[in-house]
Amino acid sequence: MVDCIYQKEDDRRFILCVLLHAADIGNPVKPLATYNKWADRVLSEFFTQGDLEQKFGLPKSPMMDPAATNKPMSQINFIEFVVAPLYANFSKLFPESGELVGHLLENRVYFQTVLELELDGEAGGVGSQSENQNAEDNGDPNFAASGGARAARAGAGKTFGEKENDKAATRNRFRGLVEKHEFAKLGDCFDQVARQPTFRALMAAGHANLSGNASALPPLPRFVPGERGLHTTTSESRKNLLAVAAQGVRDVAIAAGASGKKMRGKSRAEVKRAA
């Protein structure tokens, strides 16, 4: 399929690298239940590397130290700085892949709520008993002990004002993410996520920076995973992505073929005039 659109070897190699990279960093565009498991597994791998670095007297690499890495904050940063910029453009190339961006936004909303639960010191955040039990039920007894449950809790050692500032900053970042990448143009996929009360609260007027202010931000509405109508399984999402890619390639190929036909006709007309 790539050959029928990209005639130059460098172009074909580039687009294949883009597709491979999109798959490599694609955990946040999966349904939440799947993404959350893989987020813990990635942290487990990171922290295992950090343990080995410490064992051999090496400084721990960034993200490899559980005492300095917070799960929800690490996922918020990963979504905003790595995944969203690529998938914002990917969805323009393949518009039907808007469903994947819908999952991305829903997952970003989820980790905002988890971050705020941790900042408030409430149970039910990352590393809670219920989450650890879910991990063990998935057949991986070391999963909770070495993954997200080892990560640092948000807000440790911070004052009330600093915690509220963290909430305000990440809420404002969410709104900036949506507006910067113009996700509202995705249409129905965006609209279904945007109907969530938690999403609407995050998109409300700017959340004030609370430096020197003793009052707390209003709590976010309860987040319900899959509340939007477009909730699919990982298997269904994979099938949809393949269908989207195939349809997008066909559309571009048809457009390229029509353009080529027009150019060939123009060239023949020029030859006749010259003769």
Foldseek 3Di string as FASTA:
>chain_A
DLCLQDVDPVVSVVVVVLVVVCVVLLLQLAAPVRSVLVLQVVLLVLCVVQVVCVVVPHHRDPSNHQQPFASLVVLLCCLQPPNLVSVLVVCVLQVLLLLSVLSNLLNNLVSLQLLLCLLVVHAPHFLHPVVLVVNVVVVDNCRSVRTNNSHHGPNVPHDPLVSQQVSLVSLVVSLVSCVVSVSPVSPPSVVLSCVDQQNVVSNPPRDDRQVVNPDHDDRGPDRDRPSGVSRDHRVVSVVSVVVSVVVSVVVSSVVVVVVVVVVVVVVVVVVVVVD
